Amino acid sequence: MVYKKIKDEIFEKYIKKVGDSDILPSERQLASEFSVSRPTIRKALAELEDDDCITKLSGIGLSLIHISEPTRR
């Protein structure tokens, strides 16, 4: 599945290389960067959230992605 590849790429590019409390690019920016649809990005981000790698925070009407300590299963 495409979203699993995107999930791994997001993990490698952003989560492994940045510290706690950093913010990921928006879904729209990630979709553009990886040349996939926003639903594909959402699925990848949902899996990263299930793996406790990121936490979604709401603010100013936007869903922000907040990086927490990754715990890979």
PDB file of N, CA and C in Angstrom:
ATOM      1  N   MET A   1       0.836  -1.188   0.000  1.00  0.00           N
ATOM      2  CA  MET A   1       0.000   0.000   0.000  1.00  0.00           C
ATOM      3  C   MET A   1       0.882   1.252   0.000  1.00  0.00           C
ATOM      4  N   VAL A   2       0.437   2.251  -0.727  1.00  0.00           N
ATOM      5  CA  VAL A   2       1.206   3.487  -0.877  1.00  0.00           C
ATOM      6  C   VAL A   2       1.372   4.191   0.466  1.00  0.00           C
ATOM      7  N   TYR A   3       0.318   4.216   1.277  1.00  0.00           N
ATOM      8  CA  TYR A   3       0.398   4.964   2.535  1.00  0.00           C
ATOM      9  C   TYR A   3       1.459   4.405   3.472  1.00  0.00           C
ATOM     10  N   LYS A   4       1.720   3.105   3.403  1.00  0.00           N
ATOM     11  CA  LYS A   4       2.759   2.528   4.270  1.00  0.00           C
ATOM     12  C   LYS A   4       4.147   3.015   3.852  1.00  0.00           C
ATOM     13  N   LYS A   5       4.364   3.131   2.561  1.00  0.00           N
ATOM     14  CA  LYS A   5       5.636   3.662   2.061  1.00  0.00           C
ATOM     15  C   LYS A   5       5.792   5.120   2.487  1.00  0.00           C
ATOM     16  N   ILE A   6       4.712   5.888   2.363  1.00  0.00           N
ATOM     17  CA  ILE A   6       4.725   7.304   2.765  1.00  0.00           C
ATOM     18  C   ILE A   6       4.957   7.406   4.267  1.00  0.00           C
ATOM     19  N   LYS A   7       4.310   6.554   5.033  1.00  0.00           N
ATOM     20  CA  LYS A   7       4.504   6.536   6.496  1.00  0.00           C
ATOM     21  C   LYS A   7       5.972   6.344   6.829  1.00  0.00           C
ATOM     22  N   ASP A   8       6.606   5.359   6.182  1.00  0.00           N
ATOM     23  CA  ASP A   8       8.028   5.096   6.432  1.00  0.00           C
ATOM     24  C   ASP A   8       8.898   6.275   6.014  1.00  0.00           C
ATOM     25  N   GLU A   9       8.563   6.903   4.894  1.00  0.00           N
ATOM     26  CA  GLU A   9       9.339   8.054   4.429  1.00  0.00           C
ATOM     27  C   GLU A   9       9.193   9.247   5.369  1.00  0.00           C
ATOM     28  N   ILE A  10       7.984   9.492   5.850  1.00  0.00           N
ATOM     29  CA  ILE A  10       7.771  10.585   6.812  1.00  0.00           C
ATOM     30  C   ILE A  10       8.564  10.294   8.088  1.00  0.00           C
ATOM     31  N   PHE A  11       8.508   9.044   8.546  1.00  0.00           N
ATOM     32  CA  PHE A  11       9.245   8.676   9.756  1.00  0.00           C
ATOM     33  C   PHE A  11      10.741   8.931   9.565  1.00  0.00           C
ATOM     34  N   GLU A  12      11.296   8.455   8.458  1.00  0.00           N
ATOM     35  CA  GLU A  12      12.727   8.612   8.207  1.00  0.00           C
ATOM     36  C   GLU A  12      13.127  10.075   8.020  1.00  0.00           C
ATOM     37  N   LYS A  13      12.341  10.814   7.259  1.00  0.00           N
ATOM     38  CA  LYS A  13      12.718  12.187   6.916  1.00  0.00           C
ATOM     39  C   LYS A  13      12.475  13.176   8.046  1.00  0.00           C
ATOM     40  N   TYR A  14      11.383  13.011   8.757  1.00  0.00           N
ATOM     41  CA  TYR A  14      11.011  14.014   9.757  1.00  0.00           C
ATOM     42  C   TYR A  14      11.138  13.534  11.200  1.00  0.00           C
ATOM     43  N   ILE A  15      10.616  12.391  11.512  1.00  0.00           N
ATOM     44  CA  ILE A  15      10.513  11.997  12.917  1.00  0.00           C
ATOM     45  C   ILE A  15      11.854  11.555  13.482  1.00  0.00           C
ATOM     46  N   LYS A  16      12.616  10.783  12.734  1.00  0.00           N
ATOM     47  CA  LYS A  16      13.923  10.335  13.225  1.00  0.00           C
ATOM     48  C   LYS A  16      14.927  11.470  13.311  1.00  0.00           C
ATOM     49  N   LYS A  17      14.758  12.504  12.487  1.00  0.00           N
ATOM     50  CA  LYS A  17      15.779  13.547  12.379  1.00  0.00           C
ATOM     51  C   LYS A  17      15.457  14.823  13.135  1.00  0.00           C
ATOM     52  N   VAL A  18      14.327  14.883  13.787  1.00  0.00           N
ATOM     53  CA  VAL A  18      13.974  16.099  14.522  1.00  0.00           C
ATOM     54  C   VAL A  18      13.706  15.765  15.975  1.00  0.00           C
ATOM     55  N   GLY A  19      13.673  16.785  16.783  1.00  0.00           N
ATOM     56  CA  GLY A  19      13.476  16.579  18.202  1.00  0.00           C
ATOM     57  C   GLY A  19      12.024  16.636  18.611  1.00  0.00           C
ATOM     58  N   ASP A  20      11.798  16.307  19.842  1.00  0.00           N
ATOM     59  CA  ASP A  20      10.468  16.384  20.429  1.00  0.00           C
ATOM     60  C   ASP A  20       9.937  17.813  20.310  1.00  0.00           C
ATOM     61  N   SER A  21       8.668  17.950  20.088  1.00  0.00           N
ATOM     62  CA  SER A  21       7.962  19.233  20.010  1.00  0.00           C
ATOM     63  C   SER A  21       8.122  19.938  18.674  1.00  0.00           C
ATOM     64  N   ASP A  22       8.746  19.326  17.686  1.00  0.00           N
ATOM     65  CA  ASP A  22       8.804  19.929  16.362  1.00  0.00           C
ATOM     66  C   ASP A  22       7.482  19.696  15.645  1.00  0.00           C
ATOM     67  N   ILE A  23       7.197  20.536  14.689  1.00  0.00           N
ATOM     68  CA  ILE A  23       5.945  20.468  13.953  1.00  0.00           C
ATOM     69  C   ILE A  23       6.229  19.960  12.541  1.00  0.00           C
ATOM     70  N   LEU A  24       5.438  19.001  12.098  1.00  0.00           N
ATOM     71  CA  LEU A  24       5.544  18.509  10.726  1.00  0.00           C
ATOM     72  C   LEU A  24       4.899  19.498   9.763  1.00  0.00           C
ATOM     73  N   PRO A  25       5.254  19.430   8.488  1.00  0.00           N
ATOM     74  CA  PRO A  25       4.548  20.236   7.493  1.00  0.00           C
ATOM     75  C   PRO A  25       3.059  19.854   7.470  1.00  0.00           C
ATOM     76  N   SER A  26       2.248  20.708   6.884  1.00  0.00           N
ATOM     77  CA  SER A  26       0.809  20.445   6.805  1.00  0.00           C
ATOM     78  C   SER A  26       0.523  19.248   5.899  1.00  0.00           C
ATOM     79  N   GLU A  27      -0.682  18.704   6.017  1.00  0.00           N
ATOM     80  CA  GLU A  27      -1.092  17.606   5.140  1.00  0.00           C
ATOM     81  C   GLU A  27      -0.956  18.015   3.680  1.00  0.00           C
ATOM     82  N   ARG A  28      -1.362  19.215   3.367  1.00  0.00           N
ATOM     83  CA  ARG A  28      -1.290  19.707   1.982  1.00  0.00           C
ATOM     84  C   ARG A  28       0.163  19.737   1.490  1.00  0.00           C
ATOM     85  N   GLN A  29       1.070  20.240   2.339  1.00  0.00           N
ATOM     86  CA  GLN A  29       2.483  20.286   1.954  1.00  0.00           C
ATOM     87  C   GLN A  29       3.059  18.885   1.786  1.00  0.00           C
ATOM     88  N   LEU A  30       2.712  17.984   2.699  1.00  0.00           N
ATOM     89  CA  LEU A  30       3.203  16.606   2.600  1.00  0.00           C
ATOM     90  C   LEU A  30       2.651  15.925   1.343  1.00  0.00           C
ATOM     91  N   ALA A  31       1.382  16.143   1.043  1.00  0.00           N
ATOM     92  CA  ALA A  31       0.782  15.557  -0.157  1.00  0.00           C
ATOM     93  C   ALA A  31       1.509  16.035  -1.406  1.00  0.00           C
ATOM     94  N   SER A  32       1.833  17.311  -1.433  1.00  0.00           N
ATOM     95  CA  SER A  32       2.563  17.864  -2.569  1.00  0.00           C
ATOM     96  C   SER A  32       3.979  17.303  -2.632  1.00  0.00           C
ATOM     97  N   GLU A  33       4.645  17.251  -1.502  1.00  0.00           N
ATOM     98  CA  GLU A  33       6.023  16.755  -1.448  1.00  0.00           C
ATOM     99  C   GLU A  33       6.135  15.307  -1.930  1.00  0.00           C
ATOM    100  N   PHE A  34       5.189  14.465  -1.526  1.00  0.00           N
ATOM    101  CA  PHE A  34       5.240  13.047  -1.868  1.00  0.00           C
ATOM    102  C   PHE A  34       4.401  12.697  -3.098  1.00  0.00           C
ATOM    103  N   SER A  35       3.777  13.696  -3.693  1.00  0.00           N
ATOM    104  CA  SER A  35       2.954  13.520  -4.904  1.00  0.00           C
ATOM    105  C   SER A  35       1.862  12.470  -4.715  1.00  0.00           C
ATOM    106  N   VAL A  36       1.156  12.600  -3.593  1.00  0.00           N
ATOM    107  CA  VAL A  36       0.028  11.709  -3.299  1.00  0.00           C
ATOM    108  C   VAL A  36      -1.146  12.558  -2.839  1.00  0.00           C
ATOM    109  N   SER A  37      -2.306  11.924  -2.706  1.00  0.00           N
ATOM    110  CA  SER A  37      -3.500  12.640  -2.263  1.00  0.00           C
ATOM    111  C   SER A  37      -3.462  12.883  -0.757  1.00  0.00           C
ATOM    112  N   ARG A  38      -4.259  13.849  -0.315  1.00  0.00           N
ATOM    113  CA  ARG A  38      -4.331  14.121   1.123  1.00  0.00           C
ATOM    114  C   ARG A  38      -4.901  12.939   1.906  1.00  0.00           C
ATOM    115  N   PRO A  39      -5.893  12.195   1.370  1.00  0.00           N
ATOM    116  CA  PRO A  39      -6.338  11.009   2.116  1.00  0.00           C
ATOM    117  C   PRO A  39      -5.209   9.984   2.344  1.00  0.00           C
ATOM    118  N   THR A  40      -4.298   9.863   1.396  1.00  0.00           N
ATOM    119  CA  THR A  40      -3.158   8.961   1.573  1.00  0.00           C
ATOM    120  C   THR A  40      -2.259   9.465   2.694  1.00  0.00           C
ATOM    121  N   ILE A  41      -2.025  10.768   2.725  1.00  0.00           N
ATOM    122  CA  ILE A  41      -1.232  11.370   3.805  1.00  0.00           C
ATOM    123  C   ILE A  41      -1.938  11.169   5.145  1.00  0.00           C
ATOM    124  N   ARG A  42      -3.247  11.386   5.170  1.00  0.00           N
ATOM    125  CA  ARG A  42      -3.995  11.210   6.426  1.00  0.00           C
ATOM    126  C   ARG A  42      -3.866   9.787   6.953  1.00  0.00           C
ATOM    127  N   LYS A  43      -3.939   8.803   6.064  1.00  0.00           N
ATOM    128  CA  LYS A  43      -3.813   7.400   6.481  1.00  0.00           C
ATOM    129  C   LYS A  43      -2.409   7.134   7.039  1.00  0.00           C
ATOM    130  N   ALA A  44      -1.393   7.657   6.372  1.00  0.00           N
ATOM    131  CA  ALA A  44      -0.019   7.486   6.861  1.00  0.00           C
ATOM    132  C   ALA A  44       0.150   8.146   8.229  1.00  0.00           C
ATOM    133  N   LEU A  45      -0.386   9.358   8.374  1.00  0.00           N
ATOM    134  CA  LEU A  45      -0.275  10.068   9.652  1.00  0.00           C
ATOM    135  C   LEU A  45      -1.072   9.356  10.744  1.00  0.00           C
ATOM    136  N   ALA A  46      -2.224   8.782  10.398  1.00  0.00           N
ATOM    137  CA  ALA A  46      -3.023   8.047  11.383  1.00  0.00           C
ATOM    138  C   ALA A  46      -2.241   6.843  11.905  1.00  0.00           C
ATOM    139  N   GLU A  47      -1.528   6.167  11.026  1.00  0.00           N
ATOM    140  CA  GLU A  47      -0.710   5.036  11.477  1.00  0.00           C
ATOM    141  C   GLU A  47       0.450   5.488  12.358  1.00  0.00           C
ATOM    142  N   LEU A  48       1.058   6.621  12.002  1.00  0.00           N
ATOM    143  CA  LEU A  48       2.132   7.159  12.850  1.00  0.00           C
ATOM    144  C   LEU A  48       1.582   7.551  14.218  1.00  0.00           C
ATOM    145  N   GLU A  49       0.370   8.066  14.235  1.00  0.00           N
ATOM    146  CA  GLU A  49      -0.254   8.412  15.512  1.00  0.00           C
ATOM    147  C   GLU A  49      -0.560   7.140  16.309  1.00  0.00           C
ATOM    148  N   ASP A  50      -1.043   6.093  15.645  1.00  0.00           N
ATOM    149  CA  ASP A  50      -1.297   4.814  16.320  1.00  0.00           C
ATOM    150  C   ASP A  50      -0.012   4.211  16.895  1.00  0.00           C
ATOM    151  N   ASP A  51       1.116   4.481  16.222  1.00  0.00           N
ATOM    152  CA  ASP A  51       2.419   3.989  16.689  1.00  0.00           C
ATOM    153  C   ASP A  51       3.045   4.899  17.749  1.00  0.00           C
ATOM    154  N   ASP A  52       2.296   5.923  18.186  1.00  0.00           N
ATOM    155  CA  ASP A  52       2.775   6.885  19.186  1.00  0.00           C
ATOM    156  C   ASP A  52       3.990   7.673  18.723  1.00  0.00           C
ATOM    157  N   CYS A  53       4.091   7.917  17.424  1.00  0.00           N
ATOM    158  CA  CYS A  53       5.190   8.726  16.885  1.00  0.00           C
ATOM    159  C   CYS A  53       4.808  10.195  16.795  1.00  0.00           C
ATOM    160  N   ILE A  54       3.533  10.465  16.603  1.00  0.00           N
ATOM    161  CA  ILE A  54       3.058  11.842  16.502  1.00  0.00           C
ATOM    162  C   ILE A  54       1.769  11.989  17.290  1.00  0.00           C
ATOM    163  N   THR A  55       1.449  13.225  17.614  1.00  0.00           N
ATOM    164  CA  THR A  55       0.195  13.563  18.270  1.00  0.00           C
ATOM    165  C   THR A  55      -0.423  14.718  17.525  1.00  0.00           C
ATOM    166  N   LYS A  56      -1.689  14.585  17.150  1.00  0.00           N
ATOM    167  CA  LYS A  56      -2.366  15.678  16.470  1.00  0.00           C
ATOM    168  C   LYS A  56      -2.880  16.667  17.510  1.00  0.00           C
ATOM    169  N   LEU A  57      -2.616  17.931  17.274  1.00  0.00           N
ATOM    170  CA  LEU A  57      -3.076  19.005  18.145  1.00  0.00           C
ATOM    171  C   LEU A  57      -3.961  19.946  17.335  1.00  0.00           C
ATOM    172  N   SER A  58      -5.072  20.351  17.906  1.00  0.00           N
ATOM    173  CA  SER A  58      -5.936  21.315  17.224  1.00  0.00           C
ATOM    174  C   SER A  58      -5.558  22.713  17.664  1.00  0.00           C
ATOM    175  N   GLY A  59      -5.570  23.618  16.728  1.00  0.00           N
ATOM    176  CA  GLY A  59      -5.260  24.997  17.074  1.00  0.00           C
ATOM    177  C   GLY A  59      -5.608  25.920  15.924  1.00  0.00           C
ATOM    178  N   ILE A  60      -6.304  26.954  16.224  1.00  0.00           N
ATOM    179  CA  ILE A  60      -6.674  27.964  15.243  1.00  0.00           C
ATOM    180  C   ILE A  60      -7.385  27.312  14.048  1.00  0.00           C
ATOM    181  N   GLY A  61      -8.219  26.342  14.308  1.00  0.00           N
ATOM    182  CA  GLY A  61      -8.996  25.708  13.259  1.00  0.00           C
ATOM    183  C   GLY A  61      -8.231  24.744  12.374  1.00  0.00           C
ATOM    184  N   LEU A  62      -6.965  24.520  12.675  1.00  0.00           N
ATOM    185  CA  LEU A  62      -6.149  23.608  11.876  1.00  0.00           C
ATOM    186  C   LEU A  62      -5.736  22.415  12.714  1.00  0.00           C
ATOM    187  N   SER A  63      -5.532  21.289  12.065  1.00  0.00           N
ATOM    188  CA  SER A  63      -4.945  20.146  12.755  1.00  0.00           C
ATOM    189  C   SER A  63      -3.441  20.219  12.576  1.00  0.00           C
ATOM    190  N   LEU A  64      -2.743  20.399  13.660  1.00  0.00           N
ATOM    191  CA  LEU A  64      -1.283  20.445  13.617  1.00  0.00           C
ATOM    192  C   LEU A  64      -0.755  19.085  14.027  1.00  0.00           C
ATOM    193  N   ILE A  65       0.384  18.732  13.502  1.00  0.00           N
ATOM    194  CA  ILE A  65       1.014  17.477  13.862  1.00  0.00           C
ATOM    195  C   ILE A  65       2.200  17.799  14.760  1.00  0.00           C
ATOM    196  N   HIS A  66       2.169  17.256  15.946  1.00  0.00           N
ATOM    197  CA  HIS A  66       3.205  17.487  16.952  1.00  0.00           C
ATOM    198  C   HIS A  66       3.975  16.189  17.117  1.00  0.00           C
ATOM    199  N   ILE A  67       5.270  16.248  16.985  1.00  0.00           N
ATOM    200  CA  ILE A  67       6.092  15.046  17.068  1.00  0.00           C
ATOM    201  C   ILE A  67       6.428  14.733  18.521  1.00  0.00           C
ATOM    202  N   SER A  68       6.190  13.498  18.915  1.00  0.00           N
ATOM    203  CA  SER A  68       6.587  13.044  20.235  1.00  0.00           C
ATOM    204  C   SER A  68       7.633  11.954  20.065  1.00  0.00           C
ATOM    205  N   GLU A  69       8.189  11.463  21.144  1.00  0.00           N
ATOM    206  CA  GLU A  69       9.212  10.432  21.072  1.00  0.00           C
ATOM    207  C   GLU A  69       8.677   9.222  20.311  1.00  0.00           C
ATOM    208  N   PRO A  70       9.365   8.812  19.245  1.00  0.00           N
ATOM    209  CA  PRO A  70       8.885   7.662  18.478  1.00  0.00           C
ATOM    210  C   PRO A  70       9.076   6.354  19.235  1.00  0.00           C
ATOM    211  N   THR A  71       8.068   5.511  19.182  1.00  0.00           N
ATOM    212  CA  THR A  71       8.158   4.175  19.732  1.00  0.00           C
ATOM    213  C   THR A  71       7.740   3.220  18.641  1.00  0.00           C
ATOM    214  N   ARG A  72       8.719   2.728  17.897  1.00  0.00           N
ATOM    215  CA  ARG A  72       8.434   1.819  16.770  1.00  0.00           C
ATOM    216  C   ARG A  72       8.107   0.430  17.301  1.00  0.00           C
ATOM    217  N   ARG A  73       7.093  -0.180  16.705  1.00  0.00           N
ATOM    218  CA  ARG A  73       6.713  -1.546  17.085  1.00  0.00           C
ATOM    219  C   ARG A  73       7.407  -2.536  16.214  1.00  0.00           C
TER     220      ARG A  73
END
